[in-house]
Amino acid sequence: MEKPEIMKPGTRFTNGDMELTVLSFAENGGRNLALLIRHDDGMFITVRNLQPYNGAYCWTWGHYFDGLTEALKDYKKRFNDL
């Protein structure tokens, strides 16, 4: 694994066939949490440990949401656990 990097809100990146934008990013003790939006369908994704890997990005897990309200609730809960 490559060293994790800080992702600023508004950062756009491609992961496989997904175009994503970072909406929020938090880091604590080498772990991080990000809230992303997927461009092709507007799906929101909360991910843990977002980091570069072999020219793409990977994450430990992701939770997918159709609506921003649900995604924000999940992000806030997981942010408090971070």
PDB file of N, CA and C in Angstrom:
ATOM      1  N   MET A   1       0.844  -1.192   0.000  1.00  0.00           N
ATOM      2  CA  MET A   1       0.000   0.000   0.000  1.00  0.00           C
ATOM      3  C   MET A   1       0.881   1.245   0.000  1.00  0.00           C
ATOM      4  N   GLU A   2       0.428   2.234  -0.721  1.00  0.00           N
ATOM      5  CA  GLU A   2       1.116   3.513  -0.719  1.00  0.00           C
ATOM      6  C   GLU A   2       0.679   4.319   0.495  1.00  0.00           C
ATOM      7  N   LYS A   3       1.452   5.352   0.805  1.00  0.00           N
ATOM      8  CA  LYS A   3       1.124   6.209   1.932  1.00  0.00           C
ATOM      9  C   LYS A   3      -0.191   6.939   1.664  1.00  0.00           C
ATOM     10  N   PRO A   4      -1.144   6.937   2.647  1.00  0.00           N
ATOM     11  CA  PRO A   4      -2.402   7.669   2.456  1.00  0.00           C
ATOM     12  C   PRO A   4      -2.127   9.156   2.238  1.00  0.00           C
ATOM     13  N   GLU A   5      -2.982   9.795   1.490  1.00  0.00           N
ATOM     14  CA  GLU A   5      -2.833  11.226   1.245  1.00  0.00           C
ATOM     15  C   GLU A   5      -4.095  11.948   1.701  1.00  0.00           C
ATOM     16  N   ILE A   6      -3.933  13.217   2.014  1.00  0.00           N
ATOM     17  CA  ILE A   6      -5.075  14.040   2.398  1.00  0.00           C
ATOM     18  C   ILE A   6      -5.826  14.413   1.125  1.00  0.00           C
ATOM     19  N   MET A   7      -7.103  14.175   1.119  1.00  0.00           N
ATOM     20  CA  MET A   7      -7.949  14.496  -0.033  1.00  0.00           C
ATOM     21  C   MET A   7      -8.809  15.698   0.344  1.00  0.00           C
ATOM     22  N   LYS A   8      -8.687  16.772  -0.370  1.00  0.00           N
ATOM     23  CA  LYS A   8      -9.475  17.971  -0.100  1.00  0.00           C
ATOM     24  C   LYS A   8     -10.856  17.852  -0.729  1.00  0.00           C
ATOM     25  N   PRO A   9     -11.879  18.423  -0.082  1.00  0.00           N
ATOM     26  CA  PRO A   9     -13.208  18.459  -0.709  1.00  0.00           C
ATOM     27  C   PRO A   9     -13.102  19.096  -2.094  1.00  0.00           C
ATOM     28  N   GLY A  10     -13.785  18.498  -3.038  1.00  0.00           N
ATOM     29  CA  GLY A  10     -13.740  18.964  -4.420  1.00  0.00           C
ATOM     30  C   GLY A  10     -12.745  18.205  -5.283  1.00  0.00           C
ATOM     31  N   THR A  11     -11.872  17.407  -4.651  1.00  0.00           N
ATOM     32  CA  THR A  11     -10.923  16.601  -5.411  1.00  0.00           C
ATOM     33  C   THR A  11     -11.680  15.571  -6.238  1.00  0.00           C
ATOM     34  N   ARG A  12     -11.389  15.532  -7.525  1.00  0.00           N
ATOM     35  CA  ARG A  12     -12.019  14.550  -8.429  1.00  0.00           C
ATOM     36  C   ARG A  12     -10.981  13.506  -8.800  1.00  0.00           C
ATOM     37  N   PHE A  13     -11.428  12.258  -8.870  1.00  0.00           N
ATOM     38  CA  PHE A  13     -10.524  11.202  -9.282  1.00  0.00           C
ATOM     39  C   PHE A  13     -11.312  10.074  -9.937  1.00  0.00           C
ATOM     40  N   THR A  14     -10.580   9.247 -10.667  1.00  0.00           N
ATOM     41  CA  THR A  14     -11.161   8.086 -11.328  1.00  0.00           C
ATOM     42  C   THR A  14     -10.680   6.842 -10.609  1.00  0.00           C
ATOM     43  N   ASN A  15     -11.593   5.928 -10.385  1.00  0.00           N
ATOM     44  CA  ASN A  15     -11.251   4.640  -9.785  1.00  0.00           C
ATOM     45  C   ASN A  15     -11.913   3.563 -10.630  1.00  0.00           C
ATOM     46  N   GLY A  16     -11.123   2.883 -11.445  1.00  0.00           N
ATOM     47  CA  GLY A  16     -11.695   1.947 -12.402  1.00  0.00           C
ATOM     48  C   GLY A  16     -12.560   2.710 -13.383  1.00  0.00           C
ATOM     49  N   ASP A  17     -13.840   2.348 -13.475  1.00  0.00           N
ATOM     50  CA  ASP A  17     -14.755   3.066 -14.370  1.00  0.00           C
ATOM     51  C   ASP A  17     -15.608   4.090 -13.625  1.00  0.00           C
ATOM     52  N   MET A  18     -15.273   4.352 -12.354  1.00  0.00           N
ATOM     53  CA  MET A  18     -16.038   5.318 -11.562  1.00  0.00           C
ATOM     54  C   MET A  18     -15.345   6.679 -11.535  1.00  0.00           C
ATOM     55  N   GLU A  19     -16.130   7.730 -11.804  1.00  0.00           N
ATOM     56  CA  GLU A  19     -15.674   9.106 -11.607  1.00  0.00           C
ATOM     57  C   GLU A  19     -16.240   9.556 -10.276  1.00  0.00           C
ATOM     58  N   LEU A  20     -15.363  10.017  -9.369  1.00  0.00           N
ATOM     59  CA  LEU A  20     -15.767  10.358  -8.015  1.00  0.00           C
ATOM     60  C   LEU A  20     -15.279  11.743  -7.633  1.00  0.00           C
ATOM     61  N   THR A  21     -16.006  12.383  -6.714  1.00  0.00           N
ATOM     62  CA  THR A  21     -15.588  13.646  -6.120  1.00  0.00           C
ATOM     63  C   THR A  21     -15.667  13.518  -4.610  1.00  0.00           C
ATOM     64  N   VAL A  22     -14.646  14.023  -3.931  1.00  0.00           N
ATOM     65  CA  VAL A  22     -14.610  14.028  -2.473  1.00  0.00           C
ATOM     66  C   VAL A  22     -15.492  15.173  -1.976  1.00  0.00           C
ATOM     67  N   LEU A  23     -16.478  14.847  -1.131  1.00  0.00           N
ATOM     68  CA  LEU A  23     -17.324  15.860  -0.508  1.00  0.00           C
ATOM     69  C   LEU A  23     -16.806  16.247   0.865  1.00  0.00           C
ATOM     70  N   SER A  24     -16.253  15.274   1.588  1.00  0.00           N
ATOM     71  CA  SER A  24     -15.694  15.530   2.913  1.00  0.00           C
ATOM     72  C   SER A  24     -14.616  14.488   3.183  1.00  0.00           C
ATOM     73  N   PHE A  25     -13.596  14.890   3.962  1.00  0.00           N
ATOM     74  CA  PHE A  25     -12.490  13.996   4.278  1.00  0.00           C
ATOM     75  C   PHE A  25     -11.991  14.323   5.672  1.00  0.00           C
ATOM     76  N   ALA A  26     -11.794  13.297   6.500  1.00  0.00           N
ATOM     77  CA  ALA A  26     -11.267  13.473   7.851  1.00  0.00           C
ATOM     78  C   ALA A  26     -10.206  12.413   8.097  1.00  0.00           C
ATOM     79  N   GLU A  27      -9.189  12.781   8.852  1.00  0.00           N
ATOM     80  CA  GLU A  27      -8.108  11.853   9.157  1.00  0.00           C
ATOM     81  C   GLU A  27      -7.795  11.927  10.635  1.00  0.00           C
ATOM     82  N   ASN A  28      -7.477  10.749  11.223  1.00  0.00           N
ATOM     83  CA  ASN A  28      -7.110  10.689  12.633  1.00  0.00           C
ATOM     84  C   ASN A  28      -6.230   9.466  12.852  1.00  0.00           C
ATOM     85  N   GLY A  29      -5.007   9.687  13.291  1.00  0.00           N
ATOM     86  CA  GLY A  29      -4.127   8.584  13.639  1.00  0.00           C
ATOM     87  C   GLY A  29      -3.827   7.624  12.505  1.00  0.00           C
ATOM     88  N   GLY A  30      -3.661   8.120  11.301  1.00  0.00           N
ATOM     89  CA  GLY A  30      -3.345   7.266  10.164  1.00  0.00           C
ATOM     90  C   GLY A  30      -4.552   6.610   9.518  1.00  0.00           C
ATOM     91  N   ARG A  31      -5.732   6.824  10.088  1.00  0.00           N
ATOM     92  CA  ARG A  31      -6.969   6.316   9.478  1.00  0.00           C
ATOM     93  C   ARG A  31      -7.707   7.504   8.889  1.00  0.00           C
ATOM     94  N   ASN A  32      -8.532   7.229   7.893  1.00  0.00           N
ATOM     95  CA  ASN A  32      -9.310   8.330   7.338  1.00  0.00           C
ATOM     96  C   ASN A  32     -10.705   7.857   6.961  1.00  0.00           C
ATOM     97  N   LEU A  33     -11.549   8.842   6.753  1.00  0.00           N
ATOM     98  CA  LEU A  33     -12.939   8.629   6.375  1.00  0.00           C
ATOM     99  C   LEU A  33     -13.265   9.652   5.301  1.00  0.00           C
ATOM    100  N   ALA A  34     -13.952   9.225   4.261  1.00  0.00           N
ATOM    101  CA  ALA A  34     -14.312  10.151   3.191  1.00  0.00           C
ATOM    102  C   ALA A  34     -15.765   9.936   2.784  1.00  0.00           C
ATOM    103  N   LEU A  35     -16.384  11.032   2.376  1.00  0.00           N
ATOM    104  CA  LEU A  35     -17.711  10.994   1.769  1.00  0.00           C
ATOM    105  C   LEU A  35     -17.513  11.381   0.313  1.00  0.00           C
ATOM    106  N   LEU A  36     -17.916  10.479  -0.577  1.00  0.00           N
ATOM    107  CA  LEU A  36     -17.720  10.661  -2.012  1.00  0.00           C
ATOM    108  C   LEU A  36     -19.063  10.696  -2.723  1.00  0.00           C
ATOM    109  N   ILE A  37     -19.069  11.277  -3.923  1.00  0.00           N
ATOM    110  CA  ILE A  37     -20.223  11.158  -4.817  1.00  0.00           C
ATOM    111  C   ILE A  37     -19.734  10.557  -6.125  1.00  0.00           C
ATOM    112  N   ARG A  38     -20.467   9.584  -6.609  1.00  0.00           N
ATOM    113  CA  ARG A  38     -20.150   8.912  -7.869  1.00  0.00           C
ATOM    114  C   ARG A  38     -20.911   9.634  -8.978  1.00  0.00           C
ATOM    115  N   HIS A  39     -20.223  10.063 -10.013  1.00  0.00           N
ATOM    116  CA  HIS A  39     -20.803  10.925 -11.038  1.00  0.00           C
ATOM    117  C   HIS A  39     -21.831  10.254 -11.938  1.00  0.00           C
ATOM    118  N   ASP A  40     -21.637   8.991 -12.281  1.00  0.00           N
ATOM    119  CA  ASP A  40     -22.517   8.386 -13.281  1.00  0.00           C
ATOM    120  C   ASP A  40     -23.947   8.193 -12.793  1.00  0.00           C
ATOM    121  N   ASP A  41     -24.125   8.049 -11.469  1.00  0.00           N
ATOM    122  CA  ASP A  41     -25.491   7.816 -10.971  1.00  0.00           C
ATOM    123  C   ASP A  41     -25.848   8.639  -9.738  1.00  0.00           C
ATOM    124  N   GLY A  42     -24.939   9.501  -9.275  1.00  0.00           N
ATOM    125  CA  GLY A  42     -25.219  10.346  -8.115  1.00  0.00           C
ATOM    126  C   GLY A  42     -25.226   9.604  -6.793  1.00  0.00           C
ATOM    127  N   MET A  43     -24.711   8.384  -6.765  1.00  0.00           N
ATOM    128  CA  MET A  43     -24.642   7.589  -5.541  1.00  0.00           C
ATOM    129  C   MET A  43     -23.620   8.214  -4.595  1.00  0.00           C
ATOM    130  N   PHE A  44     -23.977   8.278  -3.300  1.00  0.00           N
ATOM    131  CA  PHE A  44     -23.063   8.764  -2.274  1.00  0.00           C
ATOM    132  C   PHE A  44     -22.413   7.560  -1.613  1.00  0.00           C
ATOM    133  N   ILE A  45     -21.111   7.688  -1.288  1.00  0.00           N
ATOM    134  CA  ILE A  45     -20.373   6.574  -0.711  1.00  0.00           C
ATOM    135  C   ILE A  45     -19.557   7.087   0.479  1.00  0.00           C
ATOM    136  N   THR A  46     -19.726   6.458   1.643  1.00  0.00           N
ATOM    137  CA  THR A  46     -18.813   6.708   2.752  1.00  0.00           C
ATOM    138  C   THR A  46     -17.769   5.599   2.701  1.00  0.00           C
ATOM    139  N   VAL A  47     -16.498   5.970   2.766  1.00  0.00           N
ATOM    140  CA  VAL A  47     -15.413   4.996   2.670  1.00  0.00           C
ATOM    141  C   VAL A  47     -14.409   5.189   3.795  1.00  0.00           C
ATOM    142  N   ARG A  48     -13.823   4.095   4.223  1.00  0.00           N
ATOM    143  CA  ARG A  48     -12.774   4.137   5.245  1.00  0.00           C
ATOM    144  C   ARG A  48     -11.441   3.836   4.585  1.00  0.00           C
ATOM    145  N   ASN A  49     -10.426   4.613   4.969  1.00  0.00           N
ATOM    146  CA  ASN A  49      -9.038   4.418   4.537  1.00  0.00           C
ATOM    147  C   ASN A  49      -8.855   4.531   3.027  1.00  0.00           C
ATOM    148  N   LEU A  50      -9.319   5.628   2.480  1.00  0.00           N
ATOM    149  CA  LEU A  50      -9.125   5.955   1.060  1.00  0.00           C
ATOM    150  C   LEU A  50      -7.649   6.249   0.829  1.00  0.00           C
ATOM    151  N   GLN A  51      -7.051   5.550  -0.156  1.00  0.00           N
ATOM    152  CA  GLN A  51      -5.647   5.785  -0.433  1.00  0.00           C
ATOM    153  C   GLN A  51      -5.286   5.378  -1.853  1.00  0.00           C
ATOM    154  N   PRO A  52      -4.215   5.987  -2.378  1.00  0.00           N
ATOM    155  CA  PRO A  52      -3.768   5.609  -3.717  1.00  0.00           C
ATOM    156  C   PRO A  52      -3.208   4.200  -3.702  1.00  0.00           C
ATOM    157  N   TYR A  53      -3.395   3.495  -4.821  1.00  0.00           N
ATOM    158  CA  TYR A  53      -2.880   2.132  -4.937  1.00  0.00           C
ATOM    159  C   TYR A  53      -2.708   1.793  -6.417  1.00  0.00           C
ATOM    160  N   ASN A  54      -1.482   1.593  -6.830  1.00  0.00           N
ATOM    161  CA  ASN A  54      -1.168   1.208  -8.214  1.00  0.00           C
ATOM    162  C   ASN A  54      -1.828   2.109  -9.255  1.00  0.00           C
ATOM    163  N   GLY A  55      -1.758   3.400  -9.054  1.00  0.00           N
ATOM    164  CA  GLY A  55      -2.305   4.346 -10.019  1.00  0.00           C
ATOM    165  C   GLY A  55      -3.801   4.565  -9.925  1.00  0.00           C
ATOM    166  N   ALA A  56      -4.462   3.888  -9.004  1.00  0.00           N
ATOM    167  CA  ALA A  56      -5.904   4.074  -8.773  1.00  0.00           C
ATOM    168  C   ALA A  56      -6.076   4.383  -7.291  1.00  0.00           C
ATOM    169  N   TYR A  57      -7.250   4.150  -6.775  1.00  0.00           N
ATOM    170  CA  TYR A  57      -7.520   4.324  -5.353  1.00  0.00           C
ATOM    171  C   TYR A  57      -8.224   3.088  -4.824  1.00  0.00           C
ATOM    172  N   CYS A  58      -8.042   2.822  -3.555  1.00  0.00           N
ATOM    173  CA  CYS A  58      -8.758   1.728  -2.906  1.00  0.00           C
ATOM    174  C   CYS A  58      -9.232   2.209  -1.549  1.00  0.00           C
ATOM    175  N   TRP A  59     -10.129   1.445  -0.957  1.00  0.00           N
ATOM    176  CA  TRP A  59     -10.587   1.725   0.398  1.00  0.00           C
ATOM    177  C   TRP A  59     -10.929   0.409   1.069  1.00  0.00           C
ATOM    178  N   THR A  60     -10.904   0.433   2.417  1.00  0.00           N
ATOM    179  CA  THR A  60     -11.141  -0.778   3.195  1.00  0.00           C
ATOM    180  C   THR A  60     -12.578  -1.245   3.042  1.00  0.00           C
ATOM    181  N   TRP A  61     -13.527  -0.330   3.159  1.00  0.00           N
ATOM    182  CA  TRP A  61     -14.940  -0.635   2.943  1.00  0.00           C
ATOM    183  C   TRP A  61     -15.656   0.614   2.492  1.00  0.00           C
ATOM    184  N   GLY A  62     -16.822   0.425   1.909  1.00  0.00           N
ATOM    185  CA  GLY A  62     -17.658   1.541   1.493  1.00  0.00           C
ATOM    186  C   GLY A  62     -19.121   1.211   1.714  1.00  0.00           C
ATOM    187  N   HIS A  63     -19.880   2.225   2.113  1.00  0.00           N
ATOM    188  CA  HIS A  63     -21.334   2.107   2.243  1.00  0.00           C
ATOM    189  C   HIS A  63     -21.962   3.046   1.223  1.00  0.00           C
ATOM    190  N   TYR A  64     -22.917   2.541   0.464  1.00  0.00           N
ATOM    191  CA  TYR A  64     -23.495   3.247  -0.673  1.00  0.00           C
ATOM    192  C   TYR A  64     -24.909   3.713  -0.339  1.00  0.00           C
ATOM    193  N   PHE A  65     -25.225   4.969  -0.715  1.00  0.00           N
ATOM    194  CA  PHE A  65     -26.519   5.572  -0.401  1.00  0.00           C
ATOM    195  C   PHE A  65     -27.076   6.310  -1.612  1.00  0.00           C
ATOM    196  N   ASP A  66     -28.397   6.208  -1.783  1.00  0.00           N
ATOM    197  CA  ASP A  66     -29.071   6.947  -2.848  1.00  0.00           C
ATOM    198  C   ASP A  66     -29.238   8.417  -2.502  1.00  0.00           C
ATOM    199  N   GLY A  67     -29.383   8.721  -1.206  1.00  0.00           N
ATOM    200  CA  GLY A  67     -29.662  10.097  -0.785  1.00  0.00           C
ATOM    201  C   GLY A  67     -28.572  10.678   0.081  1.00  0.00           C
ATOM    202  N   LEU A  68     -28.402  11.987  -0.013  1.00  0.00           N
ATOM    203  CA  LEU A  68     -27.383  12.691   0.759  1.00  0.00           C
ATOM    204  C   LEU A  68     -27.681  12.648   2.251  1.00  0.00           C
ATOM    205  N   THR A  69     -28.950  12.746   2.643  1.00  0.00           N
ATOM    206  CA  THR A  69     -29.298  12.759   4.064  1.00  0.00           C
ATOM    207  C   THR A  69     -28.809  11.490   4.757  1.00  0.00           C
ATOM    208  N   GLU A  70     -29.077  10.335   4.172  1.00  0.00           N
ATOM    209  CA  GLU A  70     -28.648   9.065   4.759  1.00  0.00           C
ATOM    210  C   GLU A  70     -27.124   8.960   4.773  1.00  0.00           C
ATOM    211  N   ALA A  71     -26.485   9.418   3.707  1.00  0.00           N
ATOM    212  CA  ALA A  71     -25.027   9.364   3.627  1.00  0.00           C
ATOM    213  C   ALA A  71     -24.391  10.249   4.698  1.00  0.00           C
ATOM    214  N   LEU A  72     -24.957  11.429   4.917  1.00  0.00           N
ATOM    215  CA  LEU A  72     -24.427  12.326   5.945  1.00  0.00           C
ATOM    216  C   LEU A  72     -24.595  11.748   7.343  1.00  0.00           C
ATOM    217  N   LYS A  73     -25.717  11.094   7.598  1.00  0.00           N
ATOM    218  CA  LYS A  73     -25.925  10.446   8.900  1.00  0.00           C
ATOM    219  C   LYS A  73     -24.860   9.376   9.131  1.00  0.00           C
ATOM    220  N   ASP A  74     -24.614   8.563   8.108  1.00  0.00           N
ATOM    221  CA  ASP A  74     -23.610   7.508   8.209  1.00  0.00           C
ATOM    222  C   ASP A  74     -22.217   8.111   8.393  1.00  0.00           C
ATOM    223  N   TYR A  75     -21.909   9.142   7.625  1.00  0.00           N
ATOM    224  CA  TYR A  75     -20.599   9.798   7.723  1.00  0.00           C
ATOM    225  C   TYR A  75     -20.394  10.367   9.124  1.00  0.00           C
ATOM    226  N   LYS A  76     -21.407  11.035   9.666  1.00  0.00           N
ATOM    227  CA  LYS A  76     -21.290  11.650  10.992  1.00  0.00           C
ATOM    228  C   LYS A  76     -21.063  10.583  12.057  1.00  0.00           C
ATOM    229  N   LYS A  77     -21.821   9.481  11.991  1.00  0.00           N
ATOM    230  CA  LYS A  77     -21.649   8.399  12.963  1.00  0.00           C
ATOM    231  C   LYS A  77     -20.232   7.828  12.883  1.00  0.00           C
ATOM    232  N   ARG A  78     -19.781   7.566  11.674  1.00  0.00           N
ATOM    233  CA  ARG A  78     -18.459   6.976  11.516  1.00  0.00           C
ATOM    234  C   ARG A  78     -17.335   7.984  11.820  1.00  0.00           C
ATOM    235  N   PHE A  79     -17.604   9.271  11.596  1.00  0.00           N
ATOM    236  CA  PHE A  79     -16.647  10.318  11.962  1.00  0.00           C
ATOM    237  C   PHE A  79     -16.453  10.325  13.474  1.00  0.00           C
ATOM    238  N   ASN A  80     -17.544  10.204  14.226  1.00  0.00           N
ATOM    239  CA  ASN A  80     -17.444  10.177  15.692  1.00  0.00           C
ATOM    240  C   ASN A  80     -16.696   8.951  16.180  1.00  0.00           C
ATOM    241  N   ASP A  81     -16.723   7.849  15.430  1.00  0.00           N
ATOM    242  CA  ASP A  81     -15.998   6.625  15.785  1.00  0.00           C
ATOM    243  C   ASP A  81     -14.535   6.679  15.364  1.00  0.00           C
ATOM    244  N   LEU A  82     -14.195   7.617  14.494  1.00  0.00           N
ATOM    245  CA  LEU A  82     -12.845   7.719  13.961  1.00  0.00           C
ATOM    246  C   LEU A  82     -11.890   8.159  15.052  1.00  0.00           C
TER     247      LEU A  82
END
